[in-house]
Amino acid sequence: MNTIKEKPKIILVTGGAGFIGTNFIQYMLCNTNDYIVNLDLLTYAGRLSNLKDIEYNKRYDFVRGDIADLALLEDLFAKYKFDTVINFAAESHVDRSIDNPEIFLQTNVLGTQALLEVSRKSWKLNSNDKYNLKYRENVKFIQVSTDEVYGTLGKEGVFTEKTPLAPNSPYSASKASADMVVRAYFETYGLPVCITRCSNNYGPYQFPEKLIPLIINSAQNNKTIPVYGDGKQIRDWLYVEDHCSAINTVLHKGKNGEVYNIGGNNEKENIEIVKLILKLLGKSESYIKHIQDRLGHDRRYAIDNSKIKTELGWSPVTSFESGIIKTVQWYESNKNWLKNAF
């Protein structure tokens, strides 16, 4: 576990009631002295109950709101004087993006641009700013992105930070667009930014439309488990706490303007994941039902995380074998969470 001690930061975390944001806030409150403000609109996948254990923590505030609301953002920046923004807020489910691309562009692109603009104004003094925001030269903007922006791989090869962007779904296209806007704010305005691109996360609090909690939830309720196509799509799996420690490392050590890939070094076929979880739960493979593959379904993702490893000294510490057991145990112990998630 990476524990970094220095002067406490004042961090705006957007989308902190979602899966990765929830885990990140808990990680930071346990491992740093930073002050966290969680801005979340609480759409279908955001659950404030995820953070009930820290509700009264003196280093934590929650604000319900939209990252695209400029007036709200200006008020928050004036009140808290953030020196850090970590943007988790995003519509993130590929199937939903196929059904309704517009909301993905609104949140993932325009919302990110609004955050960047207010961050820029708070970083460089603007004498015409009615809030009279002050210089905050140590402001840092971390854009939490995804390996899906790179598109798909064949049987060989890995994604590096220099891999051309080639998104294949409205979701990944919206994330790639947001990444480009973040880069533009660095190149044009000099705003200190870093972009992280992670592989598939898993762990506690993940909304059950995603593969691993979907398998667990279906198996617990003796329901069929839908598997797209032949189920041989390959993903690199990253335990969410490892992802949190990586983001914290980028925050403290990352070079402005750089992209850092974050992977778990755990390539698995989807069907392999399904069968493993059924085995852990003592369920039969007869629950598996192959269905028509979804549109634009990428065949394989694999991340080369050597840059963050060699330049920043971060590596994942959770093997997939141990991480999946911890994950299944968490969902087994929190059946009501799954039951109430929809």
Protein backbone atom coordinates (compact mmCIF):
# COMPACT_ATOMS: atom_id res chain seq x y z
CA MET A 1 0.00 0.00 0.00
CA ASN A 2 1.32 3.43 -0.96
CA THR A 3 1.00 5.90 1.90
CA ILE A 4 2.26 9.39 1.05
CA LYS A 5 2.57 12.01 3.78
CA GLU A 6 2.86 15.74 3.11
CA LYS A 7 0.85 18.92 3.61
CA PRO A 8 -2.86 18.00 3.44
CA LYS A 9 -4.56 18.77 0.15
CA ILE A 10 -8.07 20.08 -0.46
CA ILE A 11 -9.43 17.72 -3.08
CA LEU A 12 -12.57 17.90 -5.17
CA VAL A 13 -13.56 14.34 -6.08
CA THR A 14 -16.29 14.18 -8.71
CA GLY A 15 -18.43 11.09 -9.00
CA GLY A 16 -17.40 9.99 -5.53
CA ALA A 17 -20.61 8.05 -4.87
CA GLY A 18 -19.87 5.66 -7.71
CA PHE A 19 -17.82 2.49 -7.62
CA ILE A 20 -14.23 3.70 -8.03
CA GLY A 21 -14.91 7.11 -6.47
CA THR A 22 -16.32 5.50 -3.33
CA ASN A 23 -13.28 3.29 -2.92
CA PHE A 24 -10.93 6.21 -3.64
CA ILE A 25 -12.47 8.47 -0.99
CA GLN A 26 -12.27 5.71 1.60
CA TYR A 27 -8.67 4.99 0.60
CA MET A 28 -7.63 8.64 0.87
CA LEU A 29 -9.29 9.22 4.22
CA CYS A 30 -7.49 6.15 5.59
CA ASN A 31 -4.09 6.84 4.07
CA THR A 32 -3.72 10.63 3.96
CA ASN A 33 -4.68 13.73 5.92
CA ASP A 34 -6.34 15.32 2.88
CA TYR A 35 -9.73 17.04 2.93
CA ILE A 36 -12.22 15.56 0.46
CA VAL A 37 -15.27 17.21 -1.09
CA ASN A 38 -17.41 14.72 -3.00
CA LEU A 39 -19.50 16.20 -5.83
CA ASP A 40 -21.96 13.70 -7.26
CA LEU A 41 -25.30 14.03 -9.04
CA LEU A 42 -26.45 10.66 -7.62
CA THR A 43 -27.69 9.21 -10.88
CA TYR A 44 -28.62 5.53 -11.04
CA ALA A 45 -25.12 4.16 -10.24
CA GLY A 46 -24.24 6.68 -7.52
CA ARG A 47 -25.24 5.66 -4.02
CA LEU A 48 -24.61 7.91 -1.05
CA SER A 49 -25.14 4.93 1.25
CA ASN A 50 -21.78 3.62 -0.01
CA LEU A 51 -20.17 6.32 2.14
CA LYS A 52 -22.39 6.20 5.21
CA ASP A 53 -19.46 5.14 7.41
CA ILE A 54 -17.63 8.41 6.70
CA GLU A 55 -20.65 10.69 6.60
CA TYR A 56 -19.55 12.56 9.73
CA ASN A 57 -15.82 12.50 9.07
CA LYS A 58 -14.42 16.00 9.69
CA ARG A 59 -12.30 15.75 6.54
CA TYR A 60 -15.22 14.96 4.25
CA ASP A 61 -18.12 16.89 2.73
CA PHE A 62 -20.74 15.79 0.23
CA VAL A 63 -22.36 18.08 -2.33
CA ARG A 64 -25.08 16.89 -4.68
CA GLY A 65 -24.72 18.47 -8.10
CA ASP A 66 -23.80 18.27 -11.75
CA ILE A 67 -20.20 18.72 -12.92
CA ALA A 68 -21.58 20.66 -15.90
CA ASP A 69 -23.13 23.30 -13.59
CA LEU A 70 -20.64 26.17 -13.90
CA ALA A 71 -22.28 28.36 -11.26
CA LEU A 72 -22.18 25.54 -8.71
CA LEU A 73 -18.54 24.78 -9.53
CA GLU A 74 -17.54 28.42 -9.13
CA ASP A 75 -19.26 28.57 -5.74
CA LEU A 76 -17.51 25.39 -4.59
CA PHE A 77 -14.08 26.54 -5.77
CA ALA A 78 -14.57 29.89 -4.04
CA LYS A 79 -15.67 28.23 -0.80
CA TYR A 80 -13.12 25.43 -0.53
CA LYS A 81 -10.19 26.77 -2.59
CA PHE A 82 -9.33 23.37 -4.01
CA ASP A 83 -5.76 22.59 -4.94
CA THR A 84 -6.70 19.25 -6.55
CA VAL A 85 -9.49 17.97 -8.81
CA ILE A 86 -9.88 14.26 -9.47
CA ASN A 87 -12.55 13.59 -12.07
CA PHE A 88 -14.24 10.20 -11.75
CA ALA A 89 -17.65 11.52 -12.81
CA ALA A 90 -18.76 9.74 -15.96
CA GLU A 91 -21.44 7.68 -17.57
CA SER A 92 -19.56 4.41 -17.97
CA HIS A 93 -21.66 1.50 -19.19
CA VAL A 94 -21.11 0.58 -22.84
CA ASP A 95 -24.57 -0.93 -23.34
CA ARG A 96 -26.23 2.23 -22.04
CA SER A 97 -24.06 4.35 -24.34
CA ILE A 98 -25.31 2.36 -27.33
CA ASP A 99 -28.91 3.00 -26.31
CA ASN A 100 -28.43 6.69 -25.42
CA PRO A 101 -25.17 8.26 -26.64
CA GLU A 102 -26.23 11.85 -25.93
CA ILE A 103 -26.02 11.68 -22.14
CA PHE A 104 -22.51 10.26 -22.42
CA LEU A 105 -21.36 13.24 -24.46
CA GLN A 106 -23.06 15.70 -22.12
CA THR A 107 -21.55 14.30 -18.94
CA ASN A 108 -18.23 12.91 -20.09
CA VAL A 109 -17.22 15.68 -22.49
CA LEU A 110 -19.08 18.87 -21.57
CA GLY A 111 -18.95 18.08 -17.86
CA THR A 112 -15.20 17.56 -18.00
CA GLN A 113 -14.75 20.82 -19.92
CA ALA A 114 -16.72 22.72 -17.27
CA LEU A 115 -14.48 21.32 -14.55
CA LEU A 116 -11.38 22.26 -16.51
CA GLU A 117 -12.59 25.78 -17.12
CA VAL A 118 -13.32 26.51 -13.47
CA SER A 119 -10.03 24.85 -12.48
CA ARG A 120 -8.23 27.11 -14.94
CA LYS A 121 -9.88 30.23 -13.56
CA SER A 122 -8.98 29.26 -10.01
CA TRP A 123 -5.38 28.56 -11.00
CA LYS A 124 -4.64 31.82 -12.79
CA LEU A 125 -5.94 34.99 -11.14
CA ASN A 126 -8.66 36.66 -13.18
CA SER A 127 -9.24 40.23 -12.06
CA ASN A 128 -12.71 40.21 -13.62
CA ASP A 129 -13.76 37.13 -11.69
CA LYS A 130 -16.60 38.10 -9.37
CA TYR A 131 -15.37 35.51 -6.88
CA ASN A 132 -11.88 37.04 -6.80
CA LEU A 133 -10.31 33.60 -6.83
CA LYS A 134 -6.65 33.59 -5.86
CA TYR A 135 -3.54 32.04 -7.34
CA ARG A 136 -3.34 28.37 -6.54
CA GLU A 137 -0.24 27.35 -8.43
CA ASN A 138 -0.27 23.87 -6.91
CA VAL A 139 -3.65 22.97 -8.41
CA LYS A 140 -3.66 19.57 -10.09
CA PHE A 141 -6.31 18.06 -12.38
CA ILE A 142 -6.42 14.27 -12.66
CA GLN A 143 -8.62 12.86 -15.42
CA VAL A 144 -9.57 9.26 -14.66
CA SER A 145 -10.01 7.57 -18.02
CA THR A 146 -10.08 4.05 -19.43
CA ASP A 147 -8.10 1.72 -21.66
CA GLU A 148 -11.19 1.46 -23.86
CA VAL A 149 -10.15 4.70 -25.58
CA TYR A 150 -7.43 2.68 -27.36
CA GLY A 151 -9.93 0.40 -29.10
CA THR A 152 -9.26 -3.31 -29.40
CA LEU A 153 -6.26 -5.62 -29.64
CA GLY A 154 -5.61 -8.86 -31.47
CA LYS A 155 -4.14 -11.89 -29.77
CA GLU A 156 -0.80 -10.11 -29.35
CA GLY A 157 0.34 -6.70 -28.23
CA VAL A 158 -0.50 -4.30 -25.40
CA PHE A 159 -1.73 -0.75 -25.02
CA THR A 160 0.97 1.79 -24.20
CA GLU A 161 0.58 5.49 -23.57
CA LYS A 162 1.62 6.07 -27.19
CA THR A 163 -1.05 3.78 -28.67
CA PRO A 164 -3.30 5.83 -31.01
CA LEU A 165 -6.81 6.40 -29.72
CA ALA A 166 -9.39 4.36 -31.63
CA PRO A 167 -12.59 4.14 -29.55
CA ASN A 168 -15.29 1.78 -30.79
CA SER A 169 -18.35 2.65 -28.67
CA PRO A 170 -20.11 5.91 -27.80
CA TYR A 171 -18.84 5.47 -24.23
CA SER A 172 -15.18 5.08 -25.16
CA ALA A 173 -15.50 7.85 -27.77
CA SER A 174 -16.81 10.23 -25.11
CA LYS A 175 -13.93 9.34 -22.79
CA ALA A 176 -11.38 9.79 -25.58
CA SER A 177 -12.92 13.18 -26.37
CA ALA A 178 -12.70 14.22 -22.74
CA ASP A 179 -9.04 13.15 -22.63
CA MET A 180 -8.30 15.35 -25.62
CA VAL A 181 -9.98 18.34 -23.98
CA VAL A 182 -7.89 17.75 -20.85
CA ARG A 183 -4.75 17.63 -22.97
CA ALA A 184 -5.77 20.85 -24.72
CA TYR A 185 -6.11 22.69 -21.40
CA PHE A 186 -2.55 21.67 -20.57
CA GLU A 187 -1.14 22.65 -23.96
CA THR A 188 -3.15 25.86 -24.33
CA TYR A 189 -3.42 27.21 -20.79
CA GLY A 190 -0.70 25.37 -18.93
CA LEU A 191 -3.18 23.84 -16.50
CA PRO A 192 -1.35 21.09 -14.56
CA VAL A 193 -3.05 17.87 -15.61
CA CYS A 194 -2.45 14.13 -15.71
CA ILE A 195 -4.56 11.50 -17.42
CA THR A 196 -4.80 7.95 -16.08
CA ARG A 197 -6.15 5.09 -18.18
CA CYS A 198 -7.04 1.98 -16.25
CA SER A 199 -7.98 -1.55 -17.17
CA ASN A 200 -11.19 -3.23 -15.94
CA ASN A 201 -11.72 -2.62 -12.23
CA TYR A 202 -13.39 -4.99 -9.80
CA GLY A 203 -14.07 -4.98 -6.07
CA PRO A 204 -16.64 -3.75 -3.51
CA TYR A 205 -19.47 -1.34 -4.39
CA GLN A 206 -19.48 -2.00 -8.15
CA PHE A 207 -22.90 -1.50 -9.71
CA PRO A 208 -24.32 -4.92 -10.67
CA GLU A 209 -24.71 -4.19 -14.38
CA LYS A 210 -20.94 -4.81 -14.64
CA LEU A 211 -19.65 -8.32 -15.32
CA ILE A 212 -18.35 -9.52 -11.95
CA PRO A 213 -21.16 -8.26 -9.69
CA LEU A 214 -23.67 -9.33 -12.34
CA ILE A 215 -22.34 -12.88 -12.18
CA ILE A 216 -22.41 -12.88 -8.38
CA ASN A 217 -25.89 -11.39 -8.15
CA SER A 218 -27.33 -13.78 -10.74
CA ALA A 219 -25.71 -16.81 -9.14
CA GLN A 220 -26.92 -15.82 -5.68
CA ASN A 221 -30.48 -15.65 -7.00
CA ASN A 222 -30.23 -18.78 -9.16
CA LYS A 223 -30.68 -16.79 -12.38
CA THR A 224 -29.10 -17.38 -15.76
CA ILE A 225 -25.88 -15.50 -16.45
CA PRO A 226 -25.81 -13.85 -19.89
CA VAL A 227 -22.46 -14.13 -21.68
CA TYR A 228 -21.87 -12.14 -24.87
CA GLY A 229 -20.91 -14.27 -27.87
CA ASP A 230 -18.42 -17.03 -27.09
CA GLY A 231 -17.28 -15.28 -23.90
CA LYS A 232 -13.66 -15.29 -25.02
CA GLN A 233 -13.28 -11.51 -24.87
CA ILE A 234 -10.13 -10.78 -22.86
CA ARG A 235 -9.76 -8.06 -20.26
CA ASP A 236 -6.95 -7.04 -17.91
CA TRP A 237 -8.39 -6.96 -14.38
CA LEU A 238 -7.33 -4.44 -11.73
CA TYR A 239 -8.41 -4.61 -8.09
CA VAL A 240 -10.00 -1.27 -7.22
CA GLU A 241 -7.80 -0.55 -4.18
CA ASP A 242 -4.72 -0.91 -6.36
CA HIS A 243 -6.26 1.59 -8.76
CA CYS A 244 -6.82 4.01 -5.88
CA SER A 245 -3.21 3.78 -4.77
CA ALA A 246 -2.08 4.36 -8.36
CA ILE A 247 -4.15 7.55 -8.67
CA ASN A 248 -2.72 8.81 -5.38
CA THR A 249 0.76 8.08 -6.71
CA VAL A 250 0.06 10.02 -9.93
CA LEU A 251 -1.32 12.90 -7.87
CA HIS A 252 1.92 13.23 -5.93
CA LYS A 253 4.52 12.11 -8.44
CA GLY A 254 2.97 12.41 -11.89
CA LYS A 255 4.49 14.80 -14.41
CA ASN A 256 2.18 17.48 -15.76
CA GLY A 257 0.77 16.73 -19.19
CA GLU A 258 1.52 13.01 -19.01
CA VAL A 259 -0.68 9.94 -19.48
CA TYR A 260 -0.22 6.94 -17.19
CA ASN A 261 -1.66 3.51 -17.95
CA ILE A 262 -2.77 1.56 -14.87
CA GLY A 263 -3.15 -2.18 -15.28
CA GLY A 264 -3.40 -5.19 -13.02
CA ASN A 265 -1.35 -7.64 -15.11
CA ASN A 266 -4.28 -10.07 -15.01
CA GLU A 267 -5.58 -10.98 -18.47
CA LYS A 268 -8.64 -13.24 -18.30
CA GLU A 269 -11.34 -14.36 -20.71
CA ASN A 270 -14.84 -13.34 -19.66
CA ILE A 271 -16.00 -16.96 -19.70
CA GLU A 272 -13.11 -17.89 -17.43
CA ILE A 273 -14.24 -15.24 -14.92
CA VAL A 274 -17.82 -16.55 -15.03
CA LYS A 275 -16.79 -20.14 -14.40
CA LEU A 276 -14.41 -19.19 -11.58
CA ILE A 277 -17.05 -17.20 -9.71
CA LEU A 278 -19.62 -19.98 -10.10
CA LYS A 279 -17.08 -22.37 -8.64
CA LEU A 280 -16.37 -20.05 -5.69
CA LEU A 281 -20.11 -19.81 -5.02
CA GLY A 282 -20.66 -23.55 -5.40
CA LYS A 283 -22.95 -23.08 -8.41
CA SER A 284 -23.32 -25.09 -11.61
CA GLU A 285 -22.07 -23.87 -14.99
CA SER A 286 -25.54 -24.67 -16.31
CA TYR A 287 -26.52 -21.11 -15.33
CA ILE A 288 -24.40 -19.77 -18.22
CA LYS A 289 -26.40 -18.59 -21.23
CA HIS A 290 -24.59 -17.36 -24.34
CA ILE A 291 -26.36 -14.45 -26.02
CA GLN A 292 -25.80 -12.38 -29.16
CA ASP A 293 -22.66 -10.28 -28.93
CA ARG A 294 -23.15 -6.56 -28.42
CA LEU A 295 -22.41 -3.92 -31.05
CA GLY A 296 -18.82 -2.70 -31.24
CA HIS A 297 -17.63 -5.20 -28.65
CA ASP A 298 -13.85 -4.96 -28.31
CA ARG A 299 -12.19 -8.37 -28.36
CA ARG A 300 -9.17 -7.81 -26.14
CA TYR A 301 -7.66 -5.18 -23.87
CA ALA A 302 -4.20 -5.45 -22.33
CA ILE A 303 -2.24 -2.67 -20.65
CA ASP A 304 1.48 -2.07 -20.46
CA ASN A 305 1.92 -0.33 -17.10
CA SER A 306 5.73 -0.13 -17.27
CA LYS A 307 5.69 3.69 -17.41
CA ILE A 308 3.98 4.20 -14.05
CA LYS A 309 6.06 1.38 -12.63
CA THR A 310 9.46 2.67 -13.73
CA GLU A 311 8.85 6.43 -13.51
CA LEU A 312 6.62 6.65 -10.43
CA GLY A 313 7.41 3.41 -8.60
CA TRP A 314 3.86 2.02 -8.53
CA SER A 315 2.87 -1.61 -9.07
CA PRO A 316 -0.34 -3.53 -8.30
CA VAL A 317 -0.10 -5.61 -5.14
CA THR A 318 -3.32 -7.65 -5.40
CA SER A 319 -3.26 -10.84 -7.44
CA PHE A 320 -6.45 -11.70 -9.27
CA GLU A 321 -6.72 -14.94 -7.28
CA SER A 322 -6.82 -13.08 -3.96
CA GLY A 323 -8.76 -10.09 -5.25
CA ILE A 324 -11.62 -12.12 -6.68
CA ILE A 325 -11.99 -14.07 -3.42
CA LYS A 326 -12.15 -10.81 -1.44
CA THR A 327 -14.67 -9.44 -3.93
CA VAL A 328 -16.96 -12.48 -3.82
CA GLN A 329 -16.78 -12.51 -0.02
CA TRP A 330 -17.75 -8.82 0.12
CA TYR A 331 -20.82 -9.34 -2.06
CA GLU A 332 -21.75 -12.47 -0.11
CA SER A 333 -21.59 -10.41 3.10
CA ASN A 334 -23.52 -7.51 1.57
CA LYS A 335 -26.43 -9.20 -0.20
CA ASN A 336 -28.74 -6.37 0.76
CA TRP A 337 -26.45 -3.93 -1.05
CA LEU A 338 -26.88 -5.92 -4.25
CA LYS A 339 -30.59 -6.37 -3.63
CA ASN A 340 -31.12 -2.61 -3.29
CA ALA A 341 -28.73 -1.55 -6.06
CA PHE A 342 -31.26 -1.51 -8.89
